[in-house]
Amino acid sequence: MISVFAVVGANVIDVLPPFIKASFKVILPAVFGAVYVELASKHLKMGTATIVLAIAFTLLAKTLGIPGWVLNIAIIAGGILVARAMYLAEAKKG
């Protein structure tokens, strides 16, 4: 079923106006942000630690000239490590 939607969607995109096609470039960051907000709203400490880590990684990446795709992977991996560390700390208390 997904294949049908992919083929139909590819044909629909071809007939869309250029300003709508241009808006597809921001879909991935928007989804990424929405997932982050959902996660951070449930676990505020983890969300805060992850955003601080992301800001630090971004500043470091600009200084070192690291490409954006590497920065994305580093932020995601950093967020996973923060979540895991916080989980283990809570489990140890527990």
Protein backbone atom coordinates (compact mmCIF):
# COMPACT_ATOMS: atom_id res chain seq x y z
CA MET A 1 0.00 0.00 0.00
CA ILE A 2 2.86 2.37 0.76
CA SER A 3 4.20 1.81 -2.77
CA VAL A 4 0.90 2.97 -4.24
CA PHE A 5 1.00 6.17 -2.19
CA ALA A 6 4.64 6.76 -3.17
CA VAL A 7 3.88 6.46 -6.89
CA VAL A 8 0.72 8.57 -6.66
CA GLY A 9 2.47 11.12 -4.46
CA ALA A 10 5.35 11.48 -6.92
CA ASN A 11 2.86 12.28 -9.69
CA VAL A 12 0.95 14.74 -7.51
CA ILE A 13 4.13 16.61 -6.57
CA ASP A 14 4.89 17.20 -10.25
CA VAL A 15 1.68 19.22 -10.71
CA LEU A 16 2.03 21.36 -7.57
CA PRO A 17 2.98 25.03 -7.86
CA PRO A 18 6.67 25.87 -7.24
CA PHE A 19 6.01 27.68 -3.93
CA ILE A 20 4.42 24.52 -2.50
CA LYS A 21 7.28 22.34 -3.78
CA ALA A 22 9.74 24.69 -2.06
CA SER A 23 7.93 24.21 1.26
CA PHE A 24 8.79 20.49 1.27
CA LYS A 25 12.38 21.43 2.16
CA VAL A 26 11.26 22.34 5.69
CA ILE A 27 9.18 19.23 6.37
CA LEU A 28 12.02 17.16 7.87
CA PRO A 29 13.14 19.89 10.31
CA ALA A 30 9.50 20.49 11.25
CA VAL A 31 8.91 16.80 12.00
CA PHE A 32 12.19 16.64 13.91
CA GLY A 33 11.14 19.67 15.98
CA ALA A 34 7.68 18.26 16.64
CA VAL A 35 9.12 14.97 17.89
CA TYR A 36 11.55 16.88 20.12
CA VAL A 37 8.80 19.03 21.63
CA GLU A 38 6.63 15.98 22.30
CA LEU A 39 9.53 14.23 24.02
CA ALA A 40 10.64 17.32 25.95
CA SER A 41 7.13 18.01 27.22
CA LYS A 42 7.08 14.61 28.91
CA HIS A 43 10.69 14.70 30.17
CA LEU A 44 11.69 18.29 30.82
CA LYS A 45 15.16 17.57 32.25
CA MET A 46 16.06 15.40 29.29
CA GLY A 47 14.71 17.95 26.83
CA THR A 48 16.69 20.74 28.45
CA ALA A 49 19.91 18.71 28.49
CA THR A 50 19.42 17.74 24.85
CA ILE A 51 18.83 21.31 23.68
CA VAL A 52 21.89 22.54 25.59
CA LEU A 53 23.93 19.76 23.97
CA ALA A 54 22.53 20.64 20.53
CA ILE A 55 23.44 24.31 20.95
CA ALA A 56 26.97 23.39 22.05
CA PHE A 57 27.36 21.00 19.09
CA THR A 58 26.07 23.66 16.69
CA LEU A 59 28.52 26.28 17.93
CA LEU A 60 31.36 23.77 17.77
CA ALA A 61 30.35 22.66 14.26
CA LYS A 62 30.36 26.25 12.99
CA THR A 63 33.80 26.82 14.47
CA LEU A 64 35.24 23.62 12.98
CA GLY A 65 33.32 23.78 9.69
CA ILE A 66 31.52 20.47 10.22
CA PRO A 67 28.80 19.82 7.59
CA GLY A 68 25.15 19.95 8.59
CA TRP A 69 24.45 16.27 8.02
CA VAL A 70 27.23 15.31 10.45
CA LEU A 71 25.84 17.82 12.95
CA ASN A 72 22.37 16.24 12.67
CA ILE A 73 23.75 12.79 13.38
CA ALA A 74 25.82 14.10 16.29
CA ILE A 75 22.82 15.86 17.86
CA ILE A 76 20.61 12.79 17.49
CA ALA A 77 23.30 10.50 18.92
CA GLY A 78 23.94 12.99 21.73
CA GLY A 79 20.25 13.09 22.55
CA ILE A 80 20.10 9.32 22.67
CA LEU A 81 23.12 9.22 24.97
CA VAL A 82 21.61 11.89 27.25
CA ALA A 83 18.34 9.94 27.44
CA ARG A 84 20.17 6.69 28.17
CA ALA A 85 22.33 8.28 30.87
CA MET A 86 19.29 9.82 32.55
CA TYR A 87 17.40 6.53 32.35
CA LEU A 88 20.29 4.63 33.94
CA ALA A 89 20.62 7.28 36.67
CA GLU A 90 16.89 6.98 37.47
CA ALA A 91 17.04 3.17 37.40
CA LYS A 92 19.97 3.21 39.80
CA LYS A 93 18.01 5.40 42.23
CA GLY A 94 15.08 3.28 41.99
